[in-house]
N, C-alpha and C. Protein backbone atom coordinates (compact mmCIF):
# COMPACT_ATOMS: atom_id res chain seq x y z
N MET A 1 -26.79 -17.67 19.71
CA MET A 1 -28.19 -17.47 19.54
C MET A 1 -28.78 -18.32 18.43
N ARG A 2 -28.10 -18.23 17.23
CA ARG A 2 -28.58 -18.99 16.05
C ARG A 2 -28.56 -20.47 16.37
N LYS A 3 -27.59 -21.00 17.13
CA LYS A 3 -27.44 -22.44 17.44
C LYS A 3 -28.65 -22.82 18.26
N LYS A 4 -29.06 -21.98 19.18
CA LYS A 4 -30.28 -22.39 20.05
C LYS A 4 -31.53 -22.43 19.24
N THR A 5 -31.64 -21.52 18.31
CA THR A 5 -32.84 -21.49 17.49
C THR A 5 -32.92 -22.80 16.63
N ILE A 6 -31.86 -23.13 15.99
CA ILE A 6 -31.76 -24.30 15.13
C ILE A 6 -32.01 -25.53 16.00
N LEU A 7 -31.38 -25.60 17.21
CA LEU A 7 -31.60 -26.69 18.09
C LEU A 7 -33.01 -26.85 18.54
N CYS A 8 -33.70 -25.67 18.80
CA CYS A 8 -35.11 -25.82 19.23
C CYS A 8 -35.99 -26.21 18.05
N LEU A 9 -35.78 -25.70 16.84
CA LEU A 9 -36.53 -26.16 15.67
C LEU A 9 -36.28 -27.67 15.37
N LEU A 10 -35.06 -28.07 15.50
CA LEU A 10 -34.78 -29.47 15.18
C LEU A 10 -35.47 -30.41 16.27
N THR A 11 -35.47 -30.03 17.53
CA THR A 11 -36.08 -30.73 18.55
C THR A 11 -37.69 -30.85 18.31
N ALA A 12 -38.21 -29.68 17.98
CA ALA A 12 -39.66 -29.69 17.67
C ALA A 12 -40.05 -30.51 16.50
N ALA A 13 -39.23 -30.44 15.48
CA ALA A 13 -39.48 -31.25 14.25
C ALA A 13 -39.43 -32.76 14.53
N LEU A 14 -38.28 -33.14 15.30
CA LEU A 14 -38.19 -34.56 15.58
C LEU A 14 -39.28 -35.06 16.57
N THR A 15 -39.82 -34.10 17.46
CA THR A 15 -40.86 -34.51 18.35
C THR A 15 -42.13 -34.78 17.58
N LEU A 16 -42.46 -33.91 16.57
CA LEU A 16 -43.69 -33.98 15.75
C LEU A 16 -43.53 -35.23 14.84
N THR A 17 -42.49 -35.53 14.24
CA THR A 17 -42.38 -36.68 13.40
C THR A 17 -42.55 -37.94 14.26
N GLY A 18 -42.04 -37.99 15.50
CA GLY A 18 -42.14 -39.19 16.31
C GLY A 18 -43.58 -39.50 16.65
N CYS A 19 -44.38 -38.45 16.86
CA CYS A 19 -45.82 -38.60 17.21
C CYS A 19 -46.62 -39.02 15.92
N ALA A 20 -46.26 -38.49 14.80
CA ALA A 20 -46.99 -38.82 13.60
C ALA A 20 -46.84 -40.27 13.20
N SER A 21 -45.80 -40.88 13.51
CA SER A 21 -45.51 -42.27 12.99
C SER A 21 -46.06 -43.26 13.91
N SER A 22 -46.51 -42.96 15.06
CA SER A 22 -47.01 -43.93 16.00
C SER A 22 -48.36 -44.53 15.48
N LYS A 23 -48.60 -45.69 15.70
CA LYS A 23 -49.94 -46.26 15.31
C LYS A 23 -50.98 -46.12 16.44
N PRO A 24 -52.19 -45.86 16.09
CA PRO A 24 -53.24 -45.78 17.15
C PRO A 24 -53.54 -47.17 17.69
N GLN A 25 -53.88 -47.13 18.97
CA GLN A 25 -54.21 -48.46 19.62
C GLN A 25 -55.54 -48.86 19.19
N LEU A 26 -55.70 -50.14 18.78
CA LEU A 26 -56.98 -50.70 18.49
C LEU A 26 -57.51 -51.58 19.70
N ILE A 27 -58.67 -51.05 20.14
CA ILE A 27 -59.32 -51.75 21.32
C ILE A 27 -60.49 -52.62 20.74
N THR A 28 -60.35 -53.94 20.82
CA THR A 28 -61.41 -54.75 20.29
C THR A 28 -62.42 -55.02 21.39
N PRO A 29 -63.61 -54.85 21.11
CA PRO A 29 -64.69 -55.00 22.14
C PRO A 29 -64.95 -56.52 22.38
N THR A 30 -65.18 -56.79 23.64
CA THR A 30 -65.51 -58.22 24.03
C THR A 30 -67.02 -58.43 23.77
N ILE A 31 -67.20 -59.39 22.93
CA ILE A 31 -68.63 -59.77 22.56
C ILE A 31 -68.96 -61.03 23.31
N PRO A 32 -70.05 -60.96 24.11
CA PRO A 32 -70.40 -62.02 24.96
C PRO A 32 -71.04 -63.14 24.03
N PRO A 33 -70.96 -64.37 24.44
CA PRO A 33 -71.60 -65.44 23.54
C PRO A 33 -73.14 -65.32 23.58
N LEU A 34 -73.73 -65.54 22.51
CA LEU A 34 -75.20 -65.54 22.39
C LEU A 34 -75.79 -66.74 23.12
N ASP A 35 -76.73 -66.38 23.90
CA ASP A 35 -77.46 -67.33 24.75
C ASP A 35 -78.19 -68.29 23.81
N SER A 36 -78.10 -69.63 23.97
CA SER A 36 -78.71 -70.49 23.07
C SER A 36 -80.32 -70.42 23.04
N ALA A 37 -80.81 -69.98 24.17
CA ALA A 37 -82.37 -69.76 24.30
C ALA A 37 -82.67 -68.67 23.24
N LEU A 38 -81.81 -67.60 23.18
CA LEU A 38 -82.17 -66.52 22.22
C LEU A 38 -81.99 -66.89 20.80
N SER A 39 -81.01 -67.75 20.50
CA SER A 39 -80.68 -68.08 19.12
C SER A 39 -81.48 -69.30 18.65
N ALA A 40 -82.28 -69.93 19.51
CA ALA A 40 -83.03 -71.11 19.12
C ALA A 40 -84.22 -70.67 18.36
N PRO A 41 -84.62 -71.34 17.24
CA PRO A 41 -85.85 -71.01 16.52
C PRO A 41 -87.02 -71.18 17.38
N CYS A 42 -88.10 -70.46 16.99
CA CYS A 42 -89.39 -70.55 17.74
C CYS A 42 -90.02 -71.82 17.43
N GLN A 43 -90.73 -72.32 18.45
CA GLN A 43 -91.51 -73.68 18.22
C GLN A 43 -92.69 -73.38 17.25
N PRO A 44 -92.97 -74.43 16.45
CA PRO A 44 -94.01 -74.31 15.53
C PRO A 44 -95.43 -74.18 16.32
N VAL A 45 -96.38 -73.47 15.71
CA VAL A 45 -97.64 -73.28 16.38
C VAL A 45 -98.46 -74.64 16.30
N SER A 46 -98.94 -75.04 17.41
CA SER A 46 -99.74 -76.35 17.49
C SER A 46 -101.18 -75.88 17.40
N GLU A 47 -101.96 -76.86 16.95
CA GLU A 47 -103.47 -76.59 16.68
C GLU A 47 -104.10 -76.74 18.04
N PRO A 48 -105.08 -75.74 18.25
CA PRO A 48 -105.89 -75.72 19.38
C PRO A 48 -106.73 -77.07 19.52
N ILE A 49 -107.12 -77.43 20.73
CA ILE A 49 -107.80 -78.70 20.94
C ILE A 49 -109.23 -78.44 21.29
N ASP A 50 -109.69 -77.24 21.63
CA ASP A 50 -111.03 -76.99 22.01
C ASP A 50 -111.96 -77.18 20.81
N ASP A 51 -113.28 -77.60 21.11
CA ASP A 51 -114.28 -77.93 20.05
C ASP A 51 -115.06 -76.66 19.79
N SER A 52 -115.18 -75.66 20.61
CA SER A 52 -116.05 -74.56 20.32
C SER A 52 -115.41 -73.64 19.30
N VAL A 53 -116.13 -73.13 18.29
CA VAL A 53 -115.63 -72.26 17.29
C VAL A 53 -114.98 -70.97 17.83
N ASP A 54 -115.75 -70.29 18.74
CA ASP A 54 -115.20 -69.06 19.35
C ASP A 54 -113.94 -69.28 20.12
N ALA A 55 -113.86 -70.38 20.83
CA ALA A 55 -112.65 -70.62 21.60
C ALA A 55 -111.47 -71.06 20.61
N LEU A 56 -111.81 -71.74 19.55
CA LEU A 56 -110.83 -72.05 18.59
C LEU A 56 -110.27 -70.80 17.93
N ILE A 57 -111.12 -69.91 17.52
CA ILE A 57 -110.65 -68.60 16.93
C ILE A 57 -109.79 -67.77 17.88
N ASP A 58 -110.32 -67.64 19.13
CA ASP A 58 -109.55 -66.85 20.15
C ASP A 58 -108.15 -67.48 20.32
N SER A 59 -108.20 -68.86 20.51
CA SER A 59 -106.95 -69.57 20.72
C SER A 59 -105.93 -69.45 19.57
N TYR A 60 -106.47 -69.55 18.41
CA TYR A 60 -105.72 -69.45 17.22
C TYR A 60 -105.07 -68.10 17.09
N LEU A 61 -105.82 -67.03 17.23
CA LEU A 61 -105.34 -65.71 17.12
C LEU A 61 -104.27 -65.39 18.20
N ASP A 62 -104.53 -65.88 19.39
CA ASP A 62 -103.46 -65.74 20.41
C ASP A 62 -102.22 -66.47 20.00
N LEU A 63 -102.29 -67.65 19.49
CA LEU A 63 -101.05 -68.39 19.06
C LEU A 63 -100.37 -67.66 17.88
N ILE A 64 -101.09 -67.06 16.97
CA ILE A 64 -100.55 -66.34 15.93
C ILE A 64 -99.76 -65.17 16.42
N GLY A 65 -100.38 -64.41 17.37
CA GLY A 65 -99.66 -63.20 17.93
C GLY A 65 -98.42 -63.61 18.73
N LYS A 66 -98.48 -64.70 19.42
CA LYS A 66 -97.30 -65.12 20.22
C LYS A 66 -96.15 -65.60 19.30
N TYR A 67 -96.55 -66.31 18.29
CA TYR A 67 -95.53 -66.77 17.35
C TYR A 67 -94.92 -65.62 16.57
N ALA A 68 -95.68 -64.67 16.10
CA ALA A 68 -95.12 -63.55 15.41
C ALA A 68 -94.18 -62.79 16.27
N ASP A 69 -94.52 -62.57 17.52
CA ASP A 69 -93.72 -61.86 18.44
C ASP A 69 -92.40 -62.59 18.66
N CYS A 70 -92.47 -63.93 18.84
CA CYS A 70 -91.25 -64.71 18.97
C CYS A 70 -90.39 -64.65 17.84
N GLN A 71 -90.89 -64.69 16.63
CA GLN A 71 -90.15 -64.66 15.39
C GLN A 71 -89.48 -63.36 15.18
N ARG A 72 -90.11 -62.13 15.52
CA ARG A 72 -89.53 -60.92 15.41
C ARG A 72 -88.38 -60.79 16.44
N ARG A 73 -88.54 -61.20 17.64
CA ARG A 73 -87.51 -61.12 18.63
C ARG A 73 -86.28 -62.00 18.24
N HIS A 74 -86.63 -63.09 17.75
CA HIS A 74 -85.51 -64.02 17.35
C HIS A 74 -84.68 -63.44 16.17
N ASP A 75 -85.37 -62.94 15.18
CA ASP A 75 -84.65 -62.35 14.00
C ASP A 75 -83.92 -61.10 14.39
N ALA A 76 -84.42 -60.24 15.24
CA ALA A 76 -83.74 -59.01 15.73
C ALA A 76 -82.51 -59.39 16.55
N THR A 77 -82.66 -60.42 17.44
CA THR A 77 -81.53 -60.79 18.21
C THR A 77 -80.43 -61.32 17.46
N VAL A 78 -80.70 -62.16 16.57
CA VAL A 78 -79.56 -62.88 15.72
C VAL A 78 -78.98 -61.78 14.82
N ARG A 79 -79.76 -60.92 14.28
CA ARG A 79 -79.20 -59.83 13.38
C ARG A 79 -78.26 -58.86 14.21
N ALA A 80 -78.72 -58.54 15.33
CA ALA A 80 -77.93 -57.63 16.19
C ALA A 80 -76.67 -58.33 16.60
N TRP A 81 -76.73 -59.48 17.05
CA TRP A 81 -75.53 -60.28 17.50
C TRP A 81 -74.51 -60.46 16.28
N LYS A 82 -75.02 -60.76 15.13
CA LYS A 82 -74.13 -60.92 14.04
C LYS A 82 -73.49 -59.63 13.54
N GLY A 83 -74.27 -58.55 13.85
CA GLY A 83 -73.74 -57.23 13.50
C GLY A 83 -72.50 -56.78 14.43
N LEU A 84 -72.52 -57.34 15.59
CA LEU A 84 -71.38 -57.08 16.55
C LEU A 84 -70.02 -57.72 16.15
N LYS A 85 -70.13 -58.84 15.41
CA LYS A 85 -68.94 -59.57 15.07
C LYS A 85 -68.25 -58.91 13.96
């Protein structure tokens, strides 16, 4: 009976030490390449061509908004993509 107890304890101890020494599997995520259209810088704002002051102001404000949006999206995309690497 004593031999069975010792044999069971030895088997359990060896089983536990075998599990503790194994290394965990490392799964590396696959990062897709960043599309060149997303990483390209925004085009500079061109000057409006209209002669009317109201049209110039509206056109300029529209261009500023579009450029600011493009710049925010560009910066966020590049930061997020670099954070994945």
